[in-house]
């Protein structure tokens, strides 16, 4: 076998290895659509998202703002780092990204995915007094005092409050309802804001309460 053929054969085996590496599961992250800017400082907004699945070729995520097909997107997950690509398909509340990586970057991502799959069950549980959960359906709506309704993405939620990402940036102290739960904005986040509920909620009722009325 020639050296060229051997290299091609090795590349083919590596490609098969990459395509076999895949993780399906919910992981918190954030993303930006670099082609979109807002405000006088021309800042690129950053939103929270949740990973649904990832391979060395593509990722599927849900978030509050769905880009257009062909639009560039930059995502970040602590487990996998920064991943850049283009949106190839829009979903009801998310998107599919075709990852733009070199062969070396794909190989490194494959190793990270493989490591995470093996260690995902060894994660340390959250022992805070008001444990936070990732709702199974992160889509919700915030209701403002003036009657506005803004679609949003619930990053996480506890008995006492929630972290929310939306194409809306409220002032601190602003009252609003997340679904059927009333609260106030207590903190700004890089990807949204934190809402403190007026009254603690029963843990088992949280997911139903944060859904918009009527759903």
N, C-alpha and C. Protein backbone atom coordinates (compact mmCIF):
# COMPACT_ATOMS: atom_id res chain seq x y z
N UNK A 1 0.85 -1.19 0.00
CA UNK A 1 0.00 0.00 0.00
C UNK A 1 0.89 1.25 0.00
N UNK A 2 0.55 2.22 -0.83
CA UNK A 2 1.33 3.45 -0.90
C UNK A 2 1.11 4.30 0.34
N UNK A 3 2.04 5.25 0.57
CA UNK A 3 1.91 6.15 1.72
C UNK A 3 0.64 6.98 1.61
N UNK A 4 0.33 7.46 0.40
CA UNK A 4 -0.88 8.27 0.19
C UNK A 4 -2.13 7.47 0.52
N UNK A 5 -2.15 6.21 0.05
CA UNK A 5 -3.30 5.36 0.33
C UNK A 5 -3.43 5.08 1.81
N UNK A 6 -2.29 4.89 2.49
CA UNK A 6 -2.32 4.64 3.93
C UNK A 6 -2.87 5.84 4.68
N UNK A 7 -2.47 7.04 4.26
CA UNK A 7 -2.97 8.27 4.91
C UNK A 7 -4.46 8.41 4.69
N UNK A 8 -4.88 8.16 3.42
CA UNK A 8 -6.32 8.26 3.11
C UNK A 8 -7.12 7.26 3.92
N UNK A 9 -6.57 6.03 4.08
CA UNK A 9 -7.25 4.99 4.84
C UNK A 9 -7.35 5.39 6.31
N UNK A 10 -6.30 5.98 6.85
CA UNK A 10 -6.30 6.43 8.24
C UNK A 10 -7.32 7.55 8.43
N UNK A 11 -7.40 8.48 7.47
CA UNK A 11 -8.37 9.57 7.55
C UNK A 11 -9.79 9.03 7.51
N UNK A 12 -10.02 8.00 6.69
CA UNK A 12 -11.35 7.40 6.58
C UNK A 12 -11.75 6.75 7.90
N UNK A 13 -10.79 6.03 8.53
CA UNK A 13 -11.08 5.40 9.82
C UNK A 13 -11.37 6.45 10.89
N UNK A 14 -10.62 7.56 10.87
CA UNK A 14 -10.85 8.65 11.83
C UNK A 14 -12.23 9.25 11.62
N UNK A 15 -12.62 9.40 10.34
CA UNK A 15 -13.93 9.96 10.04
C UNK A 15 -15.03 9.08 10.59
N UNK A 16 -14.89 7.74 10.41
CA UNK A 16 -15.88 6.82 10.95
C UNK A 16 -15.95 6.92 12.47
N UNK A 17 -14.76 7.06 13.09
CA UNK A 17 -14.71 7.17 14.55
C UNK A 17 -15.46 8.41 15.01
N UNK A 18 -15.23 9.54 14.33
CA UNK A 18 -15.90 10.79 14.70
C UNK A 18 -17.41 10.64 14.59
N UNK A 19 -17.86 10.02 13.49
CA UNK A 19 -19.30 9.92 13.25
C UNK A 19 -19.97 9.00 14.27
N UNK A 20 -19.19 8.13 14.90
CA UNK A 20 -19.76 7.21 15.89
C UNK A 20 -19.90 7.88 17.25
N UNK A 21 -19.24 9.02 17.47
CA UNK A 21 -19.25 9.67 18.77
C UNK A 21 -20.40 10.66 18.84
N UNK A 22 -21.32 10.41 19.77
CA UNK A 22 -22.50 11.27 19.88
C UNK A 22 -22.99 11.26 21.32
N UNK A 23 -23.44 12.42 21.79
CA UNK A 23 -24.03 12.52 23.12
C UNK A 23 -25.43 13.09 22.99
N UNK A 24 -26.39 12.43 23.62
CA UNK A 24 -27.77 12.91 23.64
C UNK A 24 -28.13 13.18 25.09
N UNK A 25 -28.47 14.41 25.40
CA UNK A 25 -28.81 14.78 26.77
C UNK A 25 -28.83 16.28 26.93
N UNK A 26 -29.42 16.74 28.02
CA UNK A 26 -29.59 18.17 28.27
C UNK A 26 -28.38 18.75 28.98
N UNK A 27 -27.77 19.75 28.36
CA UNK A 27 -26.65 20.47 28.97
C UNK A 27 -26.89 21.97 28.78
N UNK A 28 -26.67 22.74 29.84
CA UNK A 28 -26.87 24.18 29.76
C UNK A 28 -25.71 24.84 29.03
N UNK A 29 -26.02 25.87 28.25
CA UNK A 29 -24.99 26.60 27.53
C UNK A 29 -25.49 27.98 27.14
N UNK A 30 -24.77 28.62 26.23
CA UNK A 30 -25.18 29.93 25.74
C UNK A 30 -24.76 30.06 24.28
N UNK A 31 -25.39 30.98 23.57
CA UNK A 31 -25.08 31.14 22.16
C UNK A 31 -25.31 32.57 21.71
N UNK A 32 -24.70 32.90 20.59
CA UNK A 32 -24.84 34.24 20.01
C UNK A 32 -24.98 34.09 18.51
N UNK A 33 -25.69 35.04 17.92
CA UNK A 33 -25.83 35.11 16.46
C UNK A 33 -25.02 36.32 16.02
N UNK A 34 -23.76 36.12 15.63
CA UNK A 34 -22.84 37.24 15.37
C UNK A 34 -23.32 38.24 14.34
N UNK A 35 -24.20 37.82 13.42
CA UNK A 35 -24.69 38.75 12.40
C UNK A 35 -25.72 39.74 12.93
N UNK A 36 -26.17 39.53 14.15
CA UNK A 36 -27.19 40.40 14.74
C UNK A 36 -26.56 41.23 15.85
N UNK A 37 -26.77 42.52 15.80
CA UNK A 37 -26.24 43.41 16.82
C UNK A 37 -27.35 44.32 17.29
N UNK A 38 -27.20 44.86 18.49
CA UNK A 38 -28.24 45.74 19.03
C UNK A 38 -27.61 46.88 19.81
N UNK A 39 -28.37 47.97 19.95
CA UNK A 39 -27.94 49.09 20.78
C UNK A 39 -26.89 49.95 20.12
N UNK A 40 -26.64 51.12 20.71
CA UNK A 40 -25.67 52.06 20.14
C UNK A 40 -24.23 51.54 20.15
N UNK A 41 -23.94 50.58 21.04
CA UNK A 41 -22.57 50.05 21.10
C UNK A 41 -22.37 48.86 20.15
N UNK A 42 -23.41 48.55 19.37
CA UNK A 42 -23.32 47.48 18.37
C UNK A 42 -22.98 46.14 19.03
N UNK A 43 -23.52 45.91 20.21
CA UNK A 43 -23.22 44.69 20.97
C UNK A 43 -23.98 43.49 20.43
N UNK A 44 -23.32 42.34 20.44
CA UNK A 44 -23.98 41.10 20.03
C UNK A 44 -24.66 40.48 21.26
N UNK A 45 -25.98 40.31 21.24
CA UNK A 45 -26.65 39.71 22.40
C UNK A 45 -26.31 38.23 22.56
N UNK A 46 -26.25 37.79 23.80
CA UNK A 46 -25.96 36.39 24.12
C UNK A 46 -27.18 35.81 24.82
N UNK A 47 -27.58 34.61 24.41
CA UNK A 47 -28.76 33.97 24.98
C UNK A 47 -28.39 32.63 25.62
N UNK A 48 -29.23 32.20 26.54
CA UNK A 48 -29.04 30.87 27.12
C UNK A 48 -29.64 29.84 26.18
N UNK A 49 -29.12 28.64 26.26
CA UNK A 49 -29.67 27.56 25.45
C UNK A 49 -29.48 26.24 26.18
N UNK A 50 -30.08 25.21 25.63
CA UNK A 50 -29.90 23.87 26.18
C UNK A 50 -29.55 22.93 25.04
N UNK A 51 -28.46 22.23 25.21
CA UNK A 51 -28.05 21.25 24.22
C UNK A 51 -28.98 20.04 24.27
N UNK A 52 -29.39 19.57 23.11
CA UNK A 52 -30.20 18.35 23.03
C UNK A 52 -29.34 17.17 22.60
N UNK A 53 -28.47 17.40 21.62
CA UNK A 53 -27.56 16.35 21.17
C UNK A 53 -26.38 16.98 20.46
N UNK A 54 -25.27 16.25 20.43
CA UNK A 54 -24.07 16.76 19.77
C UNK A 54 -23.26 15.60 19.22
N UNK A 55 -22.69 15.82 18.05
CA UNK A 55 -21.72 14.90 17.47
C UNK A 55 -20.56 15.76 16.98
N UNK A 56 -19.61 15.17 16.31
CA UNK A 56 -18.49 15.97 15.80
C UNK A 56 -18.87 16.71 14.52
N UNK A 57 -20.08 16.49 14.03
CA UNK A 57 -20.52 17.15 12.81
C UNK A 57 -21.59 18.21 13.04
N UNK A 58 -22.43 17.99 14.03
CA UNK A 58 -23.54 18.92 14.24
C UNK A 58 -24.00 18.89 15.69
N UNK A 59 -24.77 19.91 16.06
CA UNK A 59 -25.40 19.94 17.38
C UNK A 59 -26.82 20.44 17.24
N UNK A 60 -27.66 20.02 18.16
CA UNK A 60 -29.06 20.45 18.21
C UNK A 60 -29.27 21.13 19.56
N UNK A 61 -29.81 22.34 19.55
CA UNK A 61 -30.03 23.09 20.79
C UNK A 61 -31.35 23.84 20.72
N UNK A 62 -31.91 24.15 21.89
CA UNK A 62 -33.12 24.97 21.96
C UNK A 62 -32.77 26.26 22.69
N UNK A 63 -33.40 27.36 22.30
CA UNK A 63 -33.13 28.66 22.90
C UNK A 63 -34.24 29.64 22.59
N UNK A 64 -34.18 30.85 23.15
CA UNK A 64 -35.27 31.82 23.00
C UNK A 64 -35.36 32.48 21.63
N UNK A 65 -34.25 32.54 20.89
CA UNK A 65 -34.24 33.18 19.57
C UNK A 65 -33.71 32.18 18.55
N UNK A 66 -34.53 31.87 17.55
CA UNK A 66 -34.15 30.90 16.53
C UNK A 66 -33.62 31.65 15.32
N UNK A 67 -32.37 31.37 14.95
CA UNK A 67 -31.77 32.04 13.80
C UNK A 67 -32.34 31.52 12.48
N UNK A 68 -31.90 32.14 11.42
CA UNK A 68 -32.32 31.74 10.08
C UNK A 68 -31.40 30.67 9.53
N UNK A 69 -31.91 29.88 8.59
CA UNK A 69 -31.06 28.89 7.95
C UNK A 69 -29.93 29.59 7.22
N UNK A 70 -28.72 29.10 7.41
CA UNK A 70 -27.55 29.71 6.81
C UNK A 70 -26.88 30.75 7.69
N UNK A 71 -27.54 31.16 8.78
CA UNK A 71 -26.99 32.17 9.67
C UNK A 71 -25.89 31.57 10.55
N UNK A 72 -24.83 32.33 10.77
CA UNK A 72 -23.74 31.85 11.62
C UNK A 72 -24.16 31.89 13.08
N UNK A 73 -23.66 30.94 13.85
CA UNK A 73 -23.98 30.86 15.27
C UNK A 73 -22.74 30.39 16.02
N UNK A 74 -22.52 30.98 17.20
CA UNK A 74 -21.41 30.61 18.06
C UNK A 74 -21.99 30.14 19.39
N UNK A 75 -21.72 28.90 19.75
CA UNK A 75 -22.27 28.31 20.98
C UNK A 75 -21.13 28.00 21.95
N UNK A 76 -21.47 27.99 23.23
CA UNK A 76 -20.49 27.62 24.24
C UNK A 76 -21.12 26.72 25.29
N UNK A 77 -20.48 25.59 25.53
CA UNK A 77 -20.88 24.67 26.60
C UNK A 77 -19.61 24.37 27.40
N UNK A 78 -19.72 24.43 28.72
CA UNK A 78 -18.54 24.19 29.56
C UNK A 78 -17.87 22.86 29.23
N UNK A 79 -18.69 21.88 28.88
CA UNK A 79 -18.15 20.54 28.64
C UNK A 79 -17.39 20.44 27.31
N UNK A 80 -17.74 21.31 26.33
CA UNK A 80 -17.17 21.16 24.99
C UNK A 80 -16.49 22.41 24.46
N UNK A 81 -16.60 23.53 25.18
CA UNK A 81 -15.96 24.75 24.74
C UNK A 81 -16.78 25.52 23.71
N UNK A 82 -16.10 26.40 22.96
CA UNK A 82 -16.77 27.23 21.95
C UNK A 82 -16.89 26.44 20.65
N UNK A 83 -18.09 26.43 20.08
CA UNK A 83 -18.35 25.72 18.84
C UNK A 83 -19.02 26.67 17.85
N UNK A 84 -18.42 26.81 16.69
CA UNK A 84 -18.95 27.72 15.68
C UNK A 84 -19.47 26.94 14.48
N UNK A 85 -20.48 27.50 13.85
CA UNK A 85 -21.03 26.84 12.67
C UNK A 85 -22.13 27.66 12.05
N UNK A 86 -22.94 26.98 11.22
CA UNK A 86 -24.07 27.64 10.58
C UNK A 86 -25.34 26.82 10.79
N UNK A 87 -26.45 27.53 10.91
CA UNK A 87 -27.73 26.87 11.13
C UNK A 87 -28.19 26.23 9.83
N UNK A 88 -28.45 24.93 9.88
CA UNK A 88 -28.90 24.21 8.70
C UNK A 88 -30.39 23.90 8.74
N UNK A 89 -30.98 23.95 9.94
CA UNK A 89 -32.41 23.67 10.04
C UNK A 89 -32.99 24.35 11.27
N UNK A 90 -34.14 24.97 11.11
CA UNK A 90 -34.85 25.59 12.22
C UNK A 90 -35.82 24.58 12.83
N UNK A 91 -35.92 24.59 14.16
CA UNK A 91 -36.89 23.77 14.88
C UNK A 91 -37.92 24.68 15.52
N UNK A 92 -38.93 24.11 16.15
CA UNK A 92 -40.00 24.91 16.75
C UNK A 92 -39.44 25.92 17.75
N UNK A 93 -38.45 25.53 18.53
CA UNK A 93 -37.86 26.44 19.51
C UNK A 93 -36.35 26.29 19.57
N UNK A 94 -35.75 25.90 18.46
CA UNK A 94 -34.32 25.71 18.46
C UNK A 94 -33.77 25.61 17.05
N UNK A 95 -32.60 24.97 16.93
CA UNK A 95 -31.94 24.93 15.63
C UNK A 95 -30.91 23.81 15.59
N UNK A 96 -30.57 23.42 14.36
CA UNK A 96 -29.51 22.44 14.11
C UNK A 96 -28.33 23.20 13.54
N UNK A 97 -27.15 23.01 14.13
CA UNK A 97 -25.95 23.70 13.68
C UNK A 97 -24.98 22.72 13.04
N UNK A 98 -24.54 23.05 11.83
CA UNK A 98 -23.48 22.30 11.17
C UNK A 98 -22.16 22.88 11.65
N UNK A 99 -21.39 22.10 12.40
CA UNK A 99 -20.17 22.59 13.03
C UNK A 99 -19.05 22.77 12.00
N UNK A 100 -18.39 23.91 12.09
CA UNK A 100 -17.27 24.21 11.21
C UNK A 100 -15.97 24.01 11.99
N UNK A 101 -15.36 22.84 11.80
CA UNK A 101 -14.17 22.44 12.56
C UNK A 101 -13.11 21.88 11.63
N UNK A 102 -11.86 22.03 12.03
CA UNK A 102 -10.77 21.36 11.33
C UNK A 102 -10.75 19.90 11.78
N UNK A 103 -9.98 19.07 11.08
CA UNK A 103 -9.87 17.66 11.47
C UNK A 103 -9.34 17.54 12.90
N UNK A 104 -8.37 18.37 13.25
CA UNK A 104 -7.80 18.33 14.60
C UNK A 104 -8.84 18.73 15.64
N UNK A 105 -9.63 19.76 15.35
CA UNK A 105 -10.66 20.20 16.29
C UNK A 105 -11.75 19.15 16.43
N UNK A 106 -12.08 18.46 15.33
CA UNK A 106 -13.08 17.40 15.39
C UNK A 106 -12.60 16.25 16.27
N UNK A 107 -11.33 15.94 16.15
CA UNK A 107 -10.76 14.86 16.96
C UNK A 107 -10.80 15.22 18.45
N UNK A 108 -10.48 16.46 18.77
CA UNK A 108 -10.53 16.90 20.17
C UNK A 108 -11.96 16.89 20.69
N UNK A 109 -12.91 17.33 19.85
CA UNK A 109 -14.31 17.32 20.27
C UNK A 109 -14.79 15.89 20.50
N UNK A 110 -14.38 14.97 19.64
CA UNK A 110 -14.75 13.56 19.81
C UNK A 110 -14.28 13.05 21.17
N UNK A 111 -13.06 13.43 21.56
CA UNK A 111 -12.52 12.99 22.85
C UNK A 111 -13.33 13.58 24.01
N UNK A 112 -13.72 14.85 23.89
CA UNK A 112 -14.51 15.50 24.94
C UNK A 112 -15.88 14.85 25.06
N UNK A 113 -16.51 14.56 23.91
CA UNK A 113 -17.83 13.93 23.94
C UNK A 113 -17.74 12.56 24.59
N UNK A 114 -16.72 11.79 24.19
CA UNK A 114 -16.53 10.44 24.73
C UNK A 114 -16.29 10.49 26.24
N UNK A 115 -15.46 11.44 26.69
CA UNK A 115 -15.18 11.58 28.12
C UNK A 115 -16.46 11.94 28.88
N UNK A 116 -17.24 12.88 28.32
CA UNK A 116 -18.45 13.31 29.02
C UNK A 116 -19.45 12.16 29.13
N UNK A 117 -19.59 11.37 28.10
CA UNK A 117 -20.52 10.24 28.13
C UNK A 117 -20.15 9.27 29.25
N UNK A 118 -18.85 9.08 29.47
CA UNK A 118 -18.39 8.13 30.48
C UNK A 118 -18.52 8.68 31.90
N UNK A 119 -18.50 10.02 32.04
CA UNK A 119 -18.48 10.61 33.37
C UNK A 119 -19.78 11.33 33.76
N UNK A 120 -20.76 11.33 32.86
CA UNK A 120 -21.98 12.10 33.11
C UNK A 120 -22.71 11.65 34.36
N UNK A 121 -22.62 10.37 34.69
CA UNK A 121 -23.34 9.85 35.87
C UNK A 121 -22.58 10.09 37.17
N UNK A 122 -21.37 10.65 37.08
CA UNK A 122 -20.58 10.88 38.28
C UNK A 122 -20.65 12.33 38.74
N UNK A 123 -21.56 13.13 38.17
CA UNK A 123 -21.66 14.53 38.53
C UNK A 123 -22.14 14.70 39.97
N UNK A 124 -21.66 15.75 40.63
CA UNK A 124 -22.02 16.01 42.03
C UNK A 124 -23.42 16.61 42.09
N UNK A 125 -24.30 16.10 42.95
CA UNK A 125 -25.65 16.65 43.04
C UNK A 125 -25.66 18.05 43.64
N UNK A 126 -26.70 18.81 43.30
CA UNK A 126 -26.86 20.17 43.79
C UNK A 126 -27.47 20.10 45.20
N UNK A 127 -26.73 20.62 46.22
CA UNK A 127 -27.19 20.52 47.60
C UNK A 127 -27.68 21.85 48.17
N UNK A 128 -27.94 22.83 47.29
CA UNK A 128 -28.44 24.11 47.78
C UNK A 128 -29.82 23.93 48.39
N UNK A 129 -30.16 24.85 49.30
CA UNK A 129 -31.45 24.75 50.00
C UNK A 129 -32.60 24.68 49.01
N UNK A 130 -32.60 25.57 48.01
CA UNK A 130 -33.63 25.54 46.99
C UNK A 130 -32.99 24.99 45.72
N UNK A 131 -33.06 23.69 45.59
CA UNK A 131 -32.43 23.01 44.46
C UNK A 131 -33.01 23.50 43.14
N UNK A 132 -32.14 23.69 42.17
CA UNK A 132 -32.58 24.16 40.85
C UNK A 132 -32.67 22.99 39.89
N UNK A 133 -33.65 23.05 39.02
CA UNK A 133 -33.83 21.99 38.03
C UNK A 133 -33.88 22.61 36.64
N UNK A 134 -33.59 21.80 35.64
CA UNK A 134 -33.78 22.19 34.25
C UNK A 134 -35.16 21.67 33.84
N UNK A 135 -36.12 22.55 33.58
CA UNK A 135 -37.45 22.06 33.21
C UNK A 135 -37.39 21.23 31.94
N UNK A 136 -38.24 20.22 31.87
CA UNK A 136 -38.25 19.35 30.69
C UNK A 136 -38.58 20.14 29.43
N UNK A 137 -39.50 21.09 29.55
CA UNK A 137 -39.82 21.99 28.44
C UNK A 137 -39.42 23.40 28.87
N UNK A 138 -38.31 23.95 28.36
CA UNK A 138 -37.84 25.26 28.82
C UNK A 138 -38.59 26.44 28.23
N UNK A 139 -39.51 26.20 27.31
CA UNK A 139 -40.24 27.31 26.68
C UNK A 139 -41.31 27.85 27.61
N UNK A 140 -41.38 29.16 27.73
CA UNK A 140 -42.40 29.78 28.55
C UNK A 140 -42.68 31.18 28.03
N UNK A 141 -43.42 31.96 28.81
CA UNK A 141 -43.76 33.34 28.45
C UNK A 141 -43.69 34.20 29.70
N UNK A 142 -43.10 35.40 29.57
CA UNK A 142 -43.15 36.35 30.67
C UNK A 142 -44.24 37.37 30.36
N UNK A 143 -45.00 37.71 31.39
CA UNK A 143 -46.11 38.66 31.27
C UNK A 143 -45.73 39.92 32.03
N UNK A 144 -45.71 41.06 31.34
CA UNK A 144 -45.33 42.32 31.95
C UNK A 144 -46.55 43.09 32.43
N UNK A 145 -46.31 44.08 33.30
CA UNK A 145 -47.40 44.83 33.91
C UNK A 145 -48.24 45.58 32.89
N UNK A 146 -47.64 45.97 31.75
CA UNK A 146 -48.38 46.72 30.74
C UNK A 146 -49.13 45.83 29.76
N UNK A 147 -49.12 44.51 30.02
CA UNK A 147 -49.86 43.58 29.17
C UNK A 147 -49.02 42.88 28.12
N UNK A 148 -47.77 43.29 27.95
CA UNK A 148 -46.91 42.64 26.97
C UNK A 148 -46.66 41.18 27.35
N UNK A 149 -46.55 40.36 26.33
CA UNK A 149 -46.20 38.96 26.51
C UNK A 149 -44.93 38.68 25.69
N UNK A 150 -43.90 38.15 26.35
CA UNK A 150 -42.62 37.93 25.69
C UNK A 150 -42.24 36.45 25.81
N UNK A 151 -42.06 35.78 24.68
CA UNK A 151 -41.60 34.39 24.75
C UNK A 151 -40.22 34.33 25.41
N UNK A 152 -39.97 33.30 26.18
CA UNK A 152 -38.69 33.21 26.88
C UNK A 152 -38.25 31.76 27.00
N UNK A 153 -37.01 31.62 27.47
CA UNK A 153 -36.39 30.32 27.70
C UNK A 153 -36.00 30.25 29.16
N UNK A 154 -36.49 29.24 29.87
CA UNK A 154 -36.19 29.08 31.30
C UNK A 154 -34.89 28.29 31.44
N UNK A 155 -33.86 28.97 31.91
CA UNK A 155 -32.55 28.32 32.08
C UNK A 155 -32.62 27.27 33.17
N UNK A 156 -33.11 27.69 34.34
CA UNK A 156 -33.36 26.76 35.43
C UNK A 156 -34.37 27.41 36.37
N UNK A 157 -34.91 26.61 37.28
CA UNK A 157 -35.95 27.11 38.17
C UNK A 157 -35.84 26.40 39.52
N UNK A 158 -36.18 27.11 40.59
CA UNK A 158 -36.22 26.54 41.93
C UNK A 158 -37.51 26.98 42.59
N UNK A 159 -37.71 26.60 43.83
CA UNK A 159 -38.92 27.00 44.56
C UNK A 159 -38.99 28.51 44.72
N UNK A 160 -37.84 29.17 44.75
CA UNK A 160 -37.81 30.60 45.05
C UNK A 160 -37.62 31.52 43.85
N UNK A 161 -37.28 30.95 42.69
CA UNK A 161 -37.05 31.83 41.55
C UNK A 161 -36.60 31.07 40.32
N UNK A 162 -36.25 31.85 39.29
CA UNK A 162 -35.85 31.24 38.02
C UNK A 162 -34.83 32.13 37.31
N UNK A 163 -34.03 31.51 36.47
CA UNK A 163 -33.14 32.24 35.57
C UNK A 163 -33.75 32.15 34.18
N UNK A 164 -33.86 33.30 33.51
CA UNK A 164 -34.61 33.39 32.26
C UNK A 164 -33.77 34.07 31.19
N UNK A 165 -33.91 33.60 29.95
CA UNK A 165 -33.26 34.23 28.81
C UNK A 165 -34.34 34.59 27.79
N UNK A 166 -34.27 35.81 27.26
CA UNK A 166 -35.26 36.27 26.28
C UNK A 166 -34.69 37.42 25.48
N UNK A 167 -35.36 37.74 24.39
CA UNK A 167 -34.94 38.90 23.60
C UNK A 167 -35.57 40.15 24.23
N UNK A 168 -35.26 40.33 25.51
CA UNK A 168 -35.84 41.42 26.30
C UNK A 168 -34.96 41.58 27.54
N UNK A 169 -34.62 42.82 27.88
CA UNK A 169 -33.73 43.08 29.01
C UNK A 169 -34.41 44.03 29.99
N UNK A 170 -35.06 43.49 31.04
CA UNK A 170 -35.81 44.31 31.99
C UNK A 170 -34.91 45.01 33.00
N UNK A 171 -35.45 46.02 33.64
CA UNK A 171 -34.71 46.72 34.69
C UNK A 171 -34.81 45.94 36.00
N UNK A 172 -33.84 46.14 36.88
CA UNK A 172 -33.89 45.50 38.20
C UNK A 172 -35.11 45.98 38.96
N UNK A 173 -35.74 45.06 39.65
CA UNK A 173 -36.93 45.40 40.43
C UNK A 173 -38.22 45.33 39.65
N UNK A 174 -38.14 45.15 38.33
CA UNK A 174 -39.36 45.12 37.52
C UNK A 174 -40.22 43.90 37.88
N UNK A 175 -41.52 44.10 38.13
CA UNK A 175 -42.40 42.97 38.40
C UNK A 175 -42.84 42.30 37.10
N UNK A 176 -43.03 41.02 37.14
CA UNK A 176 -43.50 40.28 35.97
C UNK A 176 -43.93 38.89 36.42
N UNK A 177 -44.62 38.20 35.55
CA UNK A 177 -45.02 36.82 35.85
C UNK A 177 -44.34 35.90 34.85
N UNK A 178 -43.81 34.81 35.36
CA UNK A 178 -43.28 33.75 34.51
C UNK A 178 -44.34 32.66 34.48
N UNK A 179 -45.04 32.55 33.38
CA UNK A 179 -46.19 31.67 33.36
C UNK A 179 -47.23 32.21 34.33
N UNK A 180 -47.52 31.43 35.37
CA UNK A 180 -48.51 31.86 36.37
C UNK A 180 -47.88 32.25 37.70
N UNK A 181 -46.54 32.40 37.72
CA UNK A 181 -45.85 32.72 38.97
C UNK A 181 -45.34 34.16 38.90
N UNK A 182 -45.72 34.97 39.89
CA UNK A 182 -45.35 36.38 39.92
C UNK A 182 -44.02 36.55 40.67
N UNK A 183 -43.18 37.44 40.14
CA UNK A 183 -41.91 37.71 40.79
C UNK A 183 -41.35 39.05 40.39
N UNK A 184 -40.09 39.29 40.77
CA UNK A 184 -39.40 40.54 40.42
C UNK A 184 -38.00 40.23 39.93
N UNK A 185 -37.49 41.06 39.05
CA UNK A 185 -36.13 40.89 38.54
C UNK A 185 -35.14 41.32 39.61
N UNK A 186 -34.25 40.42 39.99
CA UNK A 186 -33.30 40.72 41.08
C UNK A 186 -31.84 40.76 40.61
N UNK A 187 -31.56 40.26 39.41
CA UNK A 187 -30.17 40.23 38.97
C UNK A 187 -30.10 40.08 37.45
N UNK A 188 -29.15 40.77 36.85
CA UNK A 188 -28.89 40.59 35.42
C UNK A 188 -27.83 39.52 35.24
N UNK A 189 -28.00 38.70 34.22
CA UNK A 189 -27.05 37.64 33.88
C UNK A 189 -26.45 37.93 32.51
N UNK A 190 -25.38 37.27 32.20
CA UNK A 190 -24.79 37.47 30.87
C UNK A 190 -25.75 37.06 29.78
N UNK A 191 -26.59 36.07 30.08
CA UNK A 191 -27.51 35.55 29.06
C UNK A 191 -28.97 35.85 29.35
N UNK A 192 -29.26 36.72 30.30
CA UNK A 192 -30.65 37.02 30.63
C UNK A 192 -30.78 37.69 31.98
N UNK A 193 -31.66 37.18 32.83
CA UNK A 193 -31.88 37.79 34.14
C UNK A 193 -32.44 36.76 35.11
N UNK A 194 -32.31 37.09 36.41
CA UNK A 194 -32.83 36.22 37.47
C UNK A 194 -34.09 36.83 38.04
N UNK A 195 -35.06 35.99 38.22
CA UNK A 195 -36.37 36.40 38.74
C UNK A 195 -36.59 35.74 40.10
N UNK A 196 -36.93 36.53 41.11
CA UNK A 196 -37.26 35.97 42.43
C UNK A 196 -38.77 35.97 42.58
N UNK A 197 -39.33 34.81 42.92
CA UNK A 197 -40.78 34.71 43.09
C UNK A 197 -41.22 35.44 44.36
N UNK A 198 -42.41 36.01 44.32
CA UNK A 198 -42.96 36.70 45.49
C UNK A 198 -43.16 35.72 46.64
N UNK A 199 -43.57 34.50 46.31
CA UNK A 199 -43.74 33.45 47.32
C UNK A 199 -43.10 32.16 46.82
N UNK A 200 -42.45 31.40 47.71
CA UNK A 200 -41.89 30.10 47.30
C UNK A 200 -43.00 29.17 46.80
N UNK A 201 -42.67 28.39 45.80
CA UNK A 201 -43.64 27.48 45.20
C UNK A 201 -43.35 26.04 45.61
N UNK A 202 -44.37 25.20 45.52
CA UNK A 202 -44.18 23.78 45.79
C UNK A 202 -43.34 23.17 44.67
N UNK A 203 -42.33 22.41 45.04
CA UNK A 203 -41.38 21.90 44.06
C UNK A 203 -42.06 21.08 42.97
N UNK A 204 -43.02 20.23 43.38
CA UNK A 204 -43.65 19.33 42.42
C UNK A 204 -44.58 20.07 41.45
N UNK A 205 -44.92 21.34 41.75
CA UNK A 205 -45.82 22.11 40.89
C UNK A 205 -45.08 23.04 39.93
N UNK A 206 -43.76 23.16 40.08
CA UNK A 206 -43.01 24.18 39.36
C UNK A 206 -43.20 24.12 37.85
N UNK A 207 -43.00 22.96 37.25
CA UNK A 207 -43.04 22.87 35.79
C UNK A 207 -44.41 23.24 35.23
N UNK A 208 -45.45 22.88 35.93
CA UNK A 208 -46.80 23.24 35.46
C UNK A 208 -47.06 24.73 35.63
N UNK A 209 -46.55 25.32 36.70
CA UNK A 209 -46.80 26.73 36.98
C UNK A 209 -46.09 27.70 36.02
N UNK A 210 -44.90 27.32 35.57
CA UNK A 210 -44.16 28.24 34.71
C UNK A 210 -44.61 28.17 33.26
N UNK A 211 -45.48 27.22 32.93
CA UNK A 211 -46.04 27.20 31.59
C UNK A 211 -47.05 28.34 31.44
N UNK A 212 -47.15 28.94 30.27
CA UNK A 212 -48.15 29.99 30.07
C UNK A 212 -49.56 29.49 30.35
N UNK A 213 -50.45 30.32 30.92
CA UNK A 213 -51.82 29.92 31.16
C UNK A 213 -52.48 29.40 29.88
N UNK A 214 -53.22 28.34 30.01
CA UNK A 214 -53.91 27.79 28.86
C UNK A 214 -53.19 26.63 28.21
N UNK A 215 -51.93 26.42 28.60
CA UNK A 215 -51.19 25.29 28.02
C UNK A 215 -51.30 24.08 28.95
